[in-house]
């Protein structure tokens, strides 16, 4: 069994909704894969992780570190829970868990969930209204009956996800609101490897990933001869994105009609850069710098194929995420 995973970032345009999520993966018989990996996120932002290889990973940001220091008992609970999970997840093959809760700070509405996948297929889901486990496949029926017979564990799961999880989420949002809801604008530049290559409008250093990048002609969105790249992570927890325009048949007099627009949905700000040959970076130094940055990204992705980040259980990173210019440069 080969497991490939990547972090799935979801565009939340309504910042009133927040989430606390836990992602756990257990495996046996999978070469060079830890028997257990657990990751916690708040609003899709990494908070902490533990595994049977790397144990605990300390948070990078001061606001999270400060919260951990001021809530040592709570963090101790997380550590013990991680150890318990390491002992619990010893089944054969690959078992994945996605659990947590959501909270709308405008309506006060909360939603909790706890579900499992087994060998890449949906397996069990906790139904908090019916106080039972729902088997998502016939293979899960035996496990459903076994888990429901343990009333203490079932009650613990219900209490944790319906009561404790929302309480913690509200607490985390109060402490880390400024950090979690930060908005960072990128630097936007035009890149071109050679005169015959596509012109790339490249935005890097933005956060969060609730953005769009597009070409405009005469003030309207332009989609002909355009290739749009994926939103990719940088190594400083910001993001980058590129969109490509084929200018090979574009008359020089028409260049001034085009512009590239970066749009941030969180702070509702745009950055516009005109298509101007004098603004295009084509020198060798730029090429080397960008290539090194992307190679770092590739190395980082290779690492996460072995030690997965938070994800939807069936998410897969593939070479198709490479943008046209990168494919050409890396050949």
C-alpha atoms as a PDB file:
ATOM      1  CA  UNK A   1       0.000   0.000   0.000  1.00  0.00           C
ATOM      2  CA  UNK A   2       1.436   3.344  -1.008  1.00  0.00           C
ATOM      3  CA  UNK A   3      -0.011   6.440   0.608  1.00  0.00           C
ATOM      4  CA  UNK A   4       0.338   9.851  -1.039  1.00  0.00           C
ATOM      5  CA  UNK A   5      -1.189  12.904   0.596  1.00  0.00           C
ATOM      6  CA  UNK A   6      -1.044  16.682   0.526  1.00  0.00           C
ATOM      7  CA  UNK A   7      -2.550  19.498   2.491  1.00  0.00           C
ATOM      8  CA  UNK A   8      -5.884  20.633   1.167  1.00  0.00           C
ATOM      9  CA  UNK A   9      -6.506  24.311   1.586  1.00  0.00           C
ATOM     10  CA  UNK A  10     -10.157  25.310   1.266  1.00  0.00           C
ATOM     11  CA  UNK A  11     -11.201  28.820   0.305  1.00  0.00           C
ATOM     12  CA  UNK A  12     -13.416  30.138   3.121  1.00  0.00           C
ATOM     13  CA  UNK A  13     -14.883  33.396   1.911  1.00  0.00           C
ATOM     14  CA  UNK A  14     -16.992  33.820   5.071  1.00  0.00           C
ATOM     15  CA  UNK A  15     -14.516  34.473   7.869  1.00  0.00           C
ATOM     16  CA  UNK A  16     -17.283  34.126  10.500  1.00  0.00           C
ATOM     17  CA  UNK A  17     -16.939  30.331  10.232  1.00  0.00           C
ATOM     18  CA  UNK A  18     -14.015  28.695  12.023  1.00  0.00           C
ATOM     19  CA  UNK A  19     -12.784  25.136  12.471  1.00  0.00           C
ATOM     20  CA  UNK A  20     -10.697  22.968  14.794  1.00  0.00           C
ATOM     21  CA  UNK A  21      -9.645  19.783  13.007  1.00  0.00           C
ATOM     22  CA  UNK A  22      -7.620  16.699  13.823  1.00  0.00           C
ATOM     23  CA  UNK A  23      -6.089  14.469  11.151  1.00  0.00           C
ATOM     24  CA  UNK A  24      -4.686  11.076  12.137  1.00  0.00           C
ATOM     25  CA  UNK A  25      -3.127   8.414   9.951  1.00  0.00           C
ATOM     26  CA  UNK A  26      -2.179   4.959  11.193  1.00  0.00           C
ATOM     27  CA  UNK A  27      -0.432   2.362   9.073  1.00  0.00           C
ATOM     28  CA  UNK A  28       1.225  -1.017   9.374  1.00  0.00           C
ATOM     29  CA  UNK A  29       3.268  -2.807   6.774  1.00  0.00           C
ATOM     30  CA  UNK A  30       3.867   0.435   4.820  1.00  0.00           C
ATOM     31  CA  UNK A  31       7.580   0.863   4.152  1.00  0.00           C
ATOM     32  CA  UNK A  32       9.190   4.092   5.441  1.00  0.00           C
ATOM     33  CA  UNK A  33       5.894   5.336   6.864  1.00  0.00           C
ATOM     34  CA  UNK A  34       5.396   5.982  10.607  1.00  0.00           C
ATOM     35  CA  UNK A  35       2.854   3.795  12.358  1.00  0.00           C
ATOM     36  CA  UNK A  36       1.018   6.891  13.577  1.00  0.00           C
ATOM     37  CA  UNK A  37       0.885  10.580  12.575  1.00  0.00           C
ATOM     38  CA  UNK A  38      -1.461  13.148  14.109  1.00  0.00           C
ATOM     39  CA  UNK A  39      -1.907  16.798  13.121  1.00  0.00           C
ATOM     40  CA  UNK A  40      -4.107  19.564  14.574  1.00  0.00           C
ATOM     41  CA  UNK A  41      -5.205  22.691  12.693  1.00  0.00           C
ATOM     42  CA  UNK A  42      -7.258  25.786  13.482  1.00  0.00           C
ATOM     43  CA  UNK A  43      -8.865  27.429  10.431  1.00  0.00           C
ATOM     44  CA  UNK A  44      -6.653  25.181   8.260  1.00  0.00           C
ATOM     45  CA  UNK A  45      -3.529  26.582   9.979  1.00  0.00           C
ATOM     46  CA  UNK A  46      -1.043  24.072  11.422  1.00  0.00           C
ATOM     47  CA  UNK A  47      -1.006  24.113  15.236  1.00  0.00           C
ATOM     48  CA  UNK A  48       0.926  20.987  16.204  1.00  0.00           C
ATOM     49  CA  UNK A  49       1.623  17.365  15.374  1.00  0.00           C
ATOM     50  CA  UNK A  50       2.920  14.131  16.815  1.00  0.00           C
ATOM     51  CA  UNK A  51       4.040  10.808  15.417  1.00  0.00           C
ATOM     52  CA  UNK A  52       5.843   7.636  16.405  1.00  0.00           C
ATOM     53  CA  UNK A  53       8.922   8.908  14.534  1.00  0.00           C
ATOM     54  CA  UNK A  54       9.120  12.658  15.165  1.00  0.00           C
ATOM     55  CA  UNK A  55       7.018  12.715  18.374  1.00  0.00           C
ATOM     56  CA  UNK A  56       5.831  16.283  18.949  1.00  0.00           C
ATOM     57  CA  UNK A  57       6.472  19.151  16.540  1.00  0.00           C
ATOM     58  CA  UNK A  58       6.627  22.515  18.277  1.00  0.00           C
ATOM     59  CA  UNK A  59       4.545  25.397  16.875  1.00  0.00           C
ATOM     60  CA  UNK A  60       6.427  28.057  14.918  1.00  0.00           C
ATOM     61  CA  UNK A  61       4.445  31.144  15.884  1.00  0.00           C
ATOM     62  CA  UNK A  62       4.796  33.095  19.133  1.00  0.00           C
ATOM     63  CA  UNK A  63       1.036  33.460  19.670  1.00  0.00           C
ATOM     64  CA  UNK A  64       0.601  29.658  19.613  1.00  0.00           C
ATOM     65  CA  UNK A  65       3.689  29.069  21.761  1.00  0.00           C
ATOM     66  CA  UNK A  66       2.369  31.553  24.322  1.00  0.00           C
ATOM     67  CA  UNK A  67      -0.997  29.810  24.398  1.00  0.00           C
ATOM     68  CA  UNK A  68       0.700  26.438  24.964  1.00  0.00           C
ATOM     69  CA  UNK A  69       2.726  27.862  27.843  1.00  0.00           C
ATOM     70  CA  UNK A  70      -0.347  29.397  29.501  1.00  0.00           C
ATOM     71  CA  UNK A  71      -2.434  26.235  29.072  1.00  0.00           C
ATOM     72  CA  UNK A  72       0.034  23.544  30.067  1.00  0.00           C
ATOM     73  CA  UNK A  73      -2.645  21.183  31.460  1.00  0.00           C
ATOM     74  CA  UNK A  74      -4.547  21.250  28.198  1.00  0.00           C
ATOM     75  CA  UNK A  75      -1.370  20.624  26.227  1.00  0.00           C
ATOM     76  CA  UNK A  76      -0.542  17.738  28.541  1.00  0.00           C
ATOM     77  CA  UNK A  77      -3.902  16.213  27.636  1.00  0.00           C
ATOM     78  CA  UNK A  78      -3.039  16.514  23.934  1.00  0.00           C
ATOM     79  CA  UNK A  79       0.303  14.791  24.520  1.00  0.00           C
ATOM     80  CA  UNK A  80      -1.287  11.905  26.442  1.00  0.00           C
ATOM     81  CA  UNK A  81      -3.996  11.580  23.793  1.00  0.00           C
ATOM     82  CA  UNK A  82      -1.303  11.347  21.145  1.00  0.00           C
ATOM     83  CA  UNK A  83       0.426   8.578  23.081  1.00  0.00           C
ATOM     84  CA  UNK A  84      -2.876   6.732  23.482  1.00  0.00           C
ATOM     85  CA  UNK A  85      -3.547   6.989  19.766  1.00  0.00           C
ATOM     86  CA  UNK A  86      -0.101   5.602  18.999  1.00  0.00           C
ATOM     87  CA  UNK A  87      -1.004   2.512  20.983  1.00  0.00           C
ATOM     88  CA  UNK A  88      -4.572   2.344  19.645  1.00  0.00           C
ATOM     89  CA  UNK A  89      -3.852   2.610  15.938  1.00  0.00           C
ATOM     90  CA  UNK A  90      -2.145  -0.725  15.453  1.00  0.00           C
ATOM     91  CA  UNK A  91      -4.487  -2.241  12.893  1.00  0.00           C
ATOM     92  CA  UNK A  92      -3.153  -3.563   9.640  1.00  0.00           C
ATOM     93  CA  UNK A  93      -3.119  -1.516   6.411  1.00  0.00           C
ATOM     94  CA  UNK A  94      -3.983   2.230   6.557  1.00  0.00           C
ATOM     95  CA  UNK A  95      -6.557   3.846   8.834  1.00  0.00           C
ATOM     96  CA  UNK A  96      -7.281   7.586   8.641  1.00  0.00           C
ATOM     97  CA  UNK A  97      -9.349   9.759  10.941  1.00  0.00           C
ATOM     98  CA  UNK A  98     -10.711  13.263  10.309  1.00  0.00           C
ATOM     99  CA  UNK A  99     -12.472  14.807  13.286  1.00  0.00           C
ATOM    100  CA  UNK A 100     -13.176  18.148  14.888  1.00  0.00           C
ATOM    101  CA  UNK A 101     -15.771  20.906  14.985  1.00  0.00           C
ATOM    102  CA  UNK A 102     -16.877  24.105  13.279  1.00  0.00           C
ATOM    103  CA  UNK A 103     -18.249  27.297  14.826  1.00  0.00           C
ATOM    104  CA  UNK A 104     -19.979  30.321  13.317  1.00  0.00           C
ATOM    105  CA  UNK A 105     -19.084  33.320  15.476  1.00  0.00           C
ATOM    106  CA  UNK A 106     -22.053  35.289  14.088  1.00  0.00           C
ATOM    107  CA  UNK A 107     -24.867  32.787  14.614  1.00  0.00           C
ATOM    108  CA  UNK A 108     -23.230  30.739  17.377  1.00  0.00           C
ATOM    109  CA  UNK A 109     -24.041  27.559  15.468  1.00  0.00           C
ATOM    110  CA  UNK A 110     -21.658  24.629  15.958  1.00  0.00           C
ATOM    111  CA  UNK A 111     -21.133  21.430  13.982  1.00  0.00           C
ATOM    112  CA  UNK A 112     -19.024  18.454  15.041  1.00  0.00           C
ATOM    113  CA  UNK A 113     -17.773  15.433  13.139  1.00  0.00           C
ATOM    114  CA  UNK A 114     -15.673  12.289  13.532  1.00  0.00           C
ATOM    115  CA  UNK A 115     -15.154   9.930  10.615  1.00  0.00           C
ATOM    116  CA  UNK A 116     -12.767   7.215   9.506  1.00  0.00           C
ATOM    117  CA  UNK A 117     -11.417   5.884   6.230  1.00  0.00           C
ATOM    118  CA  UNK A 118      -9.838   2.448   5.831  1.00  0.00           C
ATOM    119  CA  UNK A 119      -7.392   1.721   3.002  1.00  0.00           C
ATOM    120  CA  UNK A 120      -8.518   4.886   1.203  1.00  0.00           C
ATOM    121  CA  UNK A 121     -12.277   4.179   1.413  1.00  0.00           C
ATOM    122  CA  UNK A 122     -14.885   5.802   3.676  1.00  0.00           C
ATOM    123  CA  UNK A 123     -15.450   3.486   6.646  1.00  0.00           C
ATOM    124  CA  UNK A 124     -17.272   4.826   9.738  1.00  0.00           C
ATOM    125  CA  UNK A 125     -18.900   8.111  10.769  1.00  0.00           C
ATOM    126  CA  UNK A 126     -20.132   9.173  14.203  1.00  0.00           C
ATOM    127  CA  UNK A 127     -23.792  10.281  14.202  1.00  0.00           C
ATOM    128  CA  UNK A 128     -24.103  12.654  17.164  1.00  0.00           C
ATOM    129  CA  UNK A 129     -27.887  12.988  16.816  1.00  0.00           C
ATOM    130  CA  UNK A 130     -28.618   9.255  16.816  1.00  0.00           C
ATOM    131  CA  UNK A 131     -25.820   8.434  19.282  1.00  0.00           C
ATOM    132  CA  UNK A 132     -24.431   5.718  17.066  1.00  0.00           C
ATOM    133  CA  UNK A 133     -21.791   4.923  14.475  1.00  0.00           C
ATOM    134  CA  UNK A 134     -22.829   4.847  10.818  1.00  0.00           C
ATOM    135  CA  UNK A 135     -21.207   2.153   8.696  1.00  0.00           C
ATOM    136  CA  UNK A 136     -20.244   3.637   5.319  1.00  0.00           C
ATOM    137  CA  UNK A 137     -19.429   0.221   3.857  1.00  0.00           C
ATOM    138  CA  UNK A 138     -20.480  -3.348   4.608  1.00  0.00           C
ATOM    139  CA  UNK A 139     -16.944  -4.056   5.801  1.00  0.00           C
ATOM    140  CA  UNK A 140     -17.504  -1.631   8.695  1.00  0.00           C
ATOM    141  CA  UNK A 141     -20.598  -3.341  10.163  1.00  0.00           C
ATOM    142  CA  UNK A 142     -18.639  -5.538  12.568  1.00  0.00           C
ATOM    143  CA  UNK A 143     -16.554  -2.603  13.812  1.00  0.00           C
ATOM    144  CA  UNK A 144     -19.712  -0.483  14.206  1.00  0.00           C
ATOM    145  CA  UNK A 145     -21.280  -3.071  16.539  1.00  0.00           C
ATOM    146  CA  UNK A 146     -18.074  -3.483  18.545  1.00  0.00           C
ATOM    147  CA  UNK A 147     -17.639   0.274  19.061  1.00  0.00           C
ATOM    148  CA  UNK A 148     -21.294   0.837  19.943  1.00  0.00           C
ATOM    149  CA  UNK A 149     -21.144  -1.868  22.599  1.00  0.00           C
ATOM    150  CA  UNK A 150     -18.507   0.191  24.400  1.00  0.00           C
ATOM    151  CA  UNK A 151     -20.874   2.814  25.823  1.00  0.00           C
ATOM    152  CA  UNK A 152     -18.137   4.600  27.783  1.00  0.00           C
ATOM    153  CA  UNK A 153     -16.038   5.305  24.668  1.00  0.00           C
ATOM    154  CA  UNK A 154     -19.130   6.309  22.670  1.00  0.00           C
ATOM    155  CA  UNK A 155     -20.197   8.780  25.382  1.00  0.00           C
ATOM    156  CA  UNK A 156     -16.659  10.168  25.588  1.00  0.00           C
ATOM    157  CA  UNK A 157     -16.580  10.760  21.827  1.00  0.00           C
ATOM    158  CA  UNK A 158     -19.980  12.467  21.869  1.00  0.00           C
ATOM    159  CA  UNK A 159     -19.026  14.746  24.771  1.00  0.00           C
ATOM    160  CA  UNK A 160     -15.649  15.654  23.293  1.00  0.00           C
ATOM    161  CA  UNK A 161     -16.814  16.577  19.790  1.00  0.00           C
ATOM    162  CA  UNK A 162     -20.164  18.178  20.705  1.00  0.00           C
ATOM    163  CA  UNK A 163     -19.111  20.010  23.891  1.00  0.00           C
ATOM    164  CA  UNK A 164     -15.363  20.209  24.525  1.00  0.00           C
ATOM    165  CA  UNK A 165     -14.227  20.788  20.932  1.00  0.00           C
ATOM    166  CA  UNK A 166     -16.418  23.894  20.360  1.00  0.00           C
ATOM    167  CA  UNK A 167     -15.323  25.306  23.737  1.00  0.00           C
ATOM    168  CA  UNK A 168     -11.653  24.924  22.775  1.00  0.00           C
ATOM    169  CA  UNK A 169     -12.248  26.352  19.297  1.00  0.00           C
ATOM    170  CA  UNK A 170     -13.833  29.518  20.712  1.00  0.00           C
ATOM    171  CA  UNK A 171     -10.942  29.765  23.153  1.00  0.00           C
ATOM    172  CA  UNK A 172      -8.331  29.376  20.403  1.00  0.00           C
ATOM    173  CA  UNK A 173     -10.026  31.972  18.232  1.00  0.00           C
ATOM    174  CA  UNK A 174     -10.084  34.470  21.094  1.00  0.00           C
ATOM    175  CA  UNK A 175      -6.374  34.012  21.750  1.00  0.00           C
ATOM    176  CA  UNK A 176      -5.160  33.765  18.139  1.00  0.00           C
ATOM    177  CA  UNK A 177      -7.680  35.850  16.199  1.00  0.00           C
ATOM    178  CA  UNK A 178      -5.103  38.412  15.043  1.00  0.00           C
ATOM    179  CA  UNK A 179      -2.755  35.704  13.770  1.00  0.00           C
ATOM    180  CA  UNK A 180      -5.374  33.385  12.270  1.00  0.00           C
ATOM    181  CA  UNK A 181      -7.176  36.186  10.452  1.00  0.00           C
ATOM    182  CA  UNK A 182      -4.094  37.987   9.198  1.00  0.00           C
ATOM    183  CA  UNK A 183      -3.938  39.115   5.578  1.00  0.00           C
ATOM    184  CA  UNK A 184      -0.614  39.533   3.763  1.00  0.00           C
ATOM    185  CA  UNK A 185      -0.377  40.935   0.257  1.00  0.00           C
ATOM    186  CA  UNK A 186       2.214  39.517  -2.171  1.00  0.00           C
ATOM    187  CA  UNK A 187       4.830  40.918  -4.469  1.00  0.00           C
ATOM    188  CA  UNK A 188       3.628  40.593  -8.071  1.00  0.00           C
ATOM    189  CA  UNK A 189       6.040  40.448 -11.007  1.00  0.00           C
ATOM    190  CA  UNK A 190       6.199  39.479 -14.670  1.00  0.00           C
ATOM    191  CA  UNK A 191       8.582  36.658 -15.657  1.00  0.00           C
ATOM    192  CA  UNK A 192       9.616  35.231 -19.012  1.00  0.00           C
ATOM    193  CA  UNK A 193      12.355  32.707 -19.699  1.00  0.00           C
ATOM    194  CA  UNK A 194      12.863  33.774 -23.329  1.00  0.00           C
ATOM    195  CA  UNK A 195      11.137  35.871 -25.967  1.00  0.00           C
ATOM    196  CA  UNK A 196       9.269  32.799 -27.205  1.00  0.00           C
ATOM    197  CA  UNK A 197       8.117  31.624 -23.755  1.00  0.00           C
ATOM    198  CA  UNK A 198       4.830  32.395 -22.058  1.00  0.00           C
ATOM    199  CA  UNK A 199       4.746  35.541 -19.933  1.00  0.00           C
ATOM    200  CA  UNK A 200       4.146  34.587 -16.310  1.00  0.00           C
ATOM    201  CA  UNK A 201       2.399  36.876 -13.855  1.00  0.00           C
ATOM    202  CA  UNK A 202       3.789  35.602 -10.560  1.00  0.00           C
ATOM    203  CA  UNK A 203       2.427  36.509  -7.117  1.00  0.00           C
ATOM    204  CA  UNK A 204       4.307  35.264  -4.056  1.00  0.00           C
ATOM    205  CA  UNK A 205       4.201  35.860  -0.312  1.00  0.00           C
ATOM    206  CA  UNK A 206       0.422  36.154   0.150  1.00  0.00           C
ATOM    207  CA  UNK A 207      -1.722  34.803   2.969  1.00  0.00           C
ATOM    208  CA  UNK A 208      -4.271  33.291   3.198  1.00  0.00           C
ATOM    209  CA  UNK A 209      -4.913  31.393  -0.035  1.00  0.00           C
ATOM    210  CA  UNK A 210      -8.353  32.964  -0.557  1.00  0.00           C
ATOM    211  CA  UNK A 211      -7.213  34.783  -3.684  1.00  0.00           C
ATOM    212  CA  UNK A 212      -7.524  34.947  -7.442  1.00  0.00           C
ATOM    213  CA  UNK A 213      -5.092  35.868 -10.196  1.00  0.00           C
ATOM    214  CA  UNK A 214      -6.213  36.711 -13.721  1.00  0.00           C
ATOM    215  CA  UNK A 215      -5.351  38.606 -16.893  1.00  0.00           C
ATOM    216  CA  UNK A 216      -7.437  41.532 -18.126  1.00  0.00           C
ATOM    217  CA  UNK A 217      -7.760  43.115 -21.568  1.00  0.00           C
ATOM    218  CA  UNK A 218      -9.324  46.547 -21.923  1.00  0.00           C
ATOM    219  CA  UNK A 219     -10.684  46.299 -18.383  1.00  0.00           C
ATOM    220  CA  UNK A 220     -12.352  42.879 -18.792  1.00  0.00           C
ATOM    221  CA  UNK A 221     -11.187  39.409 -17.777  1.00  0.00           C
ATOM    222  CA  UNK A 222      -9.283  37.662 -20.553  1.00  0.00           C
ATOM    223  CA  UNK A 223      -9.134  33.863 -20.852  1.00  0.00           C
ATOM    224  CA  UNK A 224      -7.841  33.129 -24.368  1.00  0.00           C
ATOM    225  CA  UNK A 225      -4.260  31.805 -24.606  1.00  0.00           C
ATOM    226  CA  UNK A 226      -4.107  31.777 -20.800  1.00  0.00           C
ATOM    227  CA  UNK A 227      -2.879  28.970 -18.524  1.00  0.00           C
ATOM    228  CA  UNK A 228      -3.557  29.222 -14.803  1.00  0.00           C
ATOM    229  CA  UNK A 229      -1.273  27.561 -12.256  1.00  0.00           C
ATOM    230  CA  UNK A 230      -2.073  26.050  -8.867  1.00  0.00           C
ATOM    231  CA  UNK A 231      -1.757  27.899  -5.573  1.00  0.00           C
ATOM    232  CA  UNK A 232       1.464  26.534  -4.056  1.00  0.00           C
ATOM    233  CA  UNK A 233       2.908  26.860  -0.532  1.00  0.00           C
ATOM    234  CA  UNK A 234       6.137  28.711   0.232  1.00  0.00           C
ATOM    235  CA  UNK A 235       8.461  27.558   3.008  1.00  0.00           C
ATOM    236  CA  UNK A 236       7.425  30.512   5.243  1.00  0.00           C
ATOM    237  CA  UNK A 237       3.725  29.473   5.355  1.00  0.00           C
ATOM    238  CA  UNK A 238       2.717  31.994   2.692  1.00  0.00           C
ATOM    239  CA  UNK A 239       1.634  31.059  -0.822  1.00  0.00           C
ATOM    240  CA  UNK A 240       2.528  31.668  -4.451  1.00  0.00           C
ATOM    241  CA  UNK A 241       0.622  31.500  -7.708  1.00  0.00           C
ATOM    242  CA  UNK A 242       1.227  32.139 -11.420  1.00  0.00           C
ATOM    243  CA  UNK A 243      -0.899  32.708 -14.482  1.00  0.00           C
ATOM    244  CA  UNK A 244       0.544  32.529 -18.001  1.00  0.00           C
ATOM    245  CA  UNK A 245      -0.227  34.520 -21.160  1.00  0.00           C
ATOM    246  CA  UNK A 246       0.836  33.547 -24.670  1.00  0.00           C
ATOM    247  CA  UNK A 247       2.134  36.734 -26.286  1.00  0.00           C
ATOM    248  CA  UNK A 248       3.755  35.112 -29.347  1.00  0.00           C
ATOM    249  CA  UNK A 249       1.049  36.413 -31.699  1.00  0.00           C
ATOM    250  CA  UNK A 250       0.309  39.587 -29.779  1.00  0.00           C
ATOM    251  CA  UNK A 251       1.138  42.806 -31.717  1.00  0.00           C
ATOM    252  CA  UNK A 252       3.383  45.202 -29.738  1.00  0.00           C
ATOM    253  CA  UNK A 253       0.726  47.916 -29.916  1.00  0.00           C
ATOM    254  CA  UNK A 254      -1.751  45.648 -28.062  1.00  0.00           C
ATOM    255  CA  UNK A 255       0.479  44.958 -25.052  1.00  0.00           C
ATOM    256  CA  UNK A 256      -0.717  48.089 -23.280  1.00  0.00           C
ATOM    257  CA  UNK A 257      -4.277  46.713 -23.356  1.00  0.00           C
ATOM    258  CA  UNK A 258      -3.336  43.883 -20.963  1.00  0.00           C
ATOM    259  CA  UNK A 259      -2.813  43.819 -17.213  1.00  0.00           C
ATOM    260  CA  UNK A 260      -2.519  41.144 -14.516  1.00  0.00           C
ATOM    261  CA  UNK A 261      -4.670  41.457 -11.407  1.00  0.00           C
ATOM    262  CA  UNK A 262      -4.103  39.838  -8.010  1.00  0.00           C
ATOM    263  CA  UNK A 263      -7.287  39.808  -5.922  1.00  0.00           C
ATOM    264  CA  UNK A 264      -7.464  39.081  -2.187  1.00  0.00           C
ATOM    265  CA  UNK A 265     -10.873  38.045  -0.871  1.00  0.00           C
ATOM    266  CA  UNK A 266      -9.971  38.550   2.787  1.00  0.00           C
ATOM    267  CA  UNK A 267      -8.947  42.207   2.727  1.00  0.00           C
ATOM    268  CA  UNK A 268     -10.710  42.957  -0.584  1.00  0.00           C
ATOM    269  CA  UNK A 269      -7.606  44.553  -2.092  1.00  0.00           C
ATOM    270  CA  UNK A 270      -6.283  44.234  -5.633  1.00  0.00           C
ATOM    271  CA  UNK A 271      -2.795  44.589  -7.077  1.00  0.00           C
ATOM    272  CA  UNK A 272      -2.610  45.389 -10.791  1.00  0.00           C
ATOM    273  CA  UNK A 273       0.492  45.248 -12.982  1.00  0.00           C
ATOM    274  CA  UNK A 274       0.475  46.299 -16.631  1.00  0.00           C
ATOM    275  CA  UNK A 275       1.880  44.088 -19.383  1.00  0.00           C
ATOM    276  CA  UNK A 276       5.053  46.014 -20.185  1.00  0.00           C
ATOM    277  CA  UNK A 277       8.201  44.526 -21.724  1.00  0.00           C
ATOM    278  CA  UNK A 278      10.356  46.796 -19.573  1.00  0.00           C
ATOM    279  CA  UNK A 279       8.842  45.214 -16.427  1.00  0.00           C
ATOM    280  CA  UNK A 280       9.454  41.597 -17.436  1.00  0.00           C
ATOM    281  CA  UNK A 281      12.288  39.861 -15.582  1.00  0.00           C
ATOM    282  CA  UNK A 282      14.232  37.523 -17.859  1.00  0.00           C
ATOM    283  CA  UNK A 283      17.799  37.649 -16.553  1.00  0.00           C
ATOM    284  CA  UNK A 284      19.704  34.527 -15.528  1.00  0.00           C
ATOM    285  CA  UNK A 285      19.875  35.495 -11.859  1.00  0.00           C
ATOM    286  CA  UNK A 286      16.096  35.572 -11.615  1.00  0.00           C
ATOM    287  CA  UNK A 287      15.849  32.173 -13.278  1.00  0.00           C
ATOM    288  CA  UNK A 288      18.330  30.598 -10.859  1.00  0.00           C
ATOM    289  CA  UNK A 289      16.620  32.096  -7.828  1.00  0.00           C
ATOM    290  CA  UNK A 290      13.171  30.905  -8.856  1.00  0.00           C
ATOM    291  CA  UNK A 291      14.460  27.467  -9.796  1.00  0.00           C
ATOM    292  CA  UNK A 292      16.119  27.036  -6.403  1.00  0.00           C
ATOM    293  CA  UNK A 293      12.899  28.120  -4.663  1.00  0.00           C
ATOM    294  CA  UNK A 294      10.880  25.607  -6.591  1.00  0.00           C
ATOM    295  CA  UNK A 295      13.363  22.799  -6.031  1.00  0.00           C
ATOM    296  CA  UNK A 296      13.013  23.506  -2.311  1.00  0.00           C
ATOM    297  CA  UNK A 297       9.251  23.162  -2.743  1.00  0.00           C
ATOM    298  CA  UNK A 298       9.690  19.828  -4.547  1.00  0.00           C
ATOM    299  CA  UNK A 299      11.932  18.488  -1.781  1.00  0.00           C
ATOM    300  CA  UNK A 300       9.386  19.608   0.791  1.00  0.00           C
ATOM    301  CA  UNK A 301       6.589  17.879  -1.127  1.00  0.00           C
ATOM    302  CA  UNK A 302       8.589  14.660  -1.389  1.00  0.00           C
ATOM    303  CA  UNK A 303       8.998  14.741   2.395  1.00  0.00           C
ATOM    304  CA  UNK A 304       5.268  15.158   2.888  1.00  0.00           C
ATOM    305  CA  UNK A 305       4.551  12.169   0.698  1.00  0.00           C
ATOM    306  CA  UNK A 306       6.180  10.186   3.507  1.00  0.00           C
ATOM    307  CA  UNK A 307       4.968  12.244   6.497  1.00  0.00           C
ATOM    308  CA  UNK A 308       1.563  13.601   5.435  1.00  0.00           C
ATOM    309  CA  UNK A 309       0.179  17.041   6.267  1.00  0.00           C
ATOM    310  CA  UNK A 310      -3.519  17.686   7.042  1.00  0.00           C
ATOM    311  CA  UNK A 311      -5.669  16.601   4.145  1.00  0.00           C
ATOM    312  CA  UNK A 312      -8.924  15.324   2.888  1.00  0.00           C
ATOM    313  CA  UNK A 313      -8.372  11.570   3.104  1.00  0.00           C
ATOM    314  CA  UNK A 314      -8.298  11.060  -0.668  1.00  0.00           C
ATOM    315  CA  UNK A 315      -6.208  14.139  -1.599  1.00  0.00           C
ATOM    316  CA  UNK A 316      -3.187  13.366  -3.764  1.00  0.00           C
ATOM    317  CA  UNK A 317      -0.359  15.618  -4.885  1.00  0.00           C
ATOM    318  CA  UNK A 318       0.847  14.881  -8.388  1.00  0.00           C
ATOM    319  CA  UNK A 319       3.340  16.259 -10.938  1.00  0.00           C
ATOM    320  CA  UNK A 320       0.368  17.770 -12.774  1.00  0.00           C
ATOM    321  CA  UNK A 321       0.602  20.604 -10.249  1.00  0.00           C
ATOM    322  CA  UNK A 322       3.744  21.782 -12.056  1.00  0.00           C
ATOM    323  CA  UNK A 323       3.079  24.935 -14.034  1.00  0.00           C
ATOM    324  CA  UNK A 324       4.127  25.101 -17.732  1.00  0.00           C
ATOM    325  CA  UNK A 325       7.315  27.141 -17.197  1.00  0.00           C
ATOM    326  CA  UNK A 326       8.493  24.907 -14.356  1.00  0.00           C
ATOM    327  CA  UNK A 327       7.919  21.800 -16.452  1.00  0.00           C
ATOM    328  CA  UNK A 328      10.006  23.318 -19.213  1.00  0.00           C
ATOM    329  CA  UNK A 329      12.804  24.440 -16.878  1.00  0.00           C
ATOM    330  CA  UNK A 330      13.010  21.083 -15.114  1.00  0.00           C
ATOM    331  CA  UNK A 331      13.241  18.981 -18.279  1.00  0.00           C
END
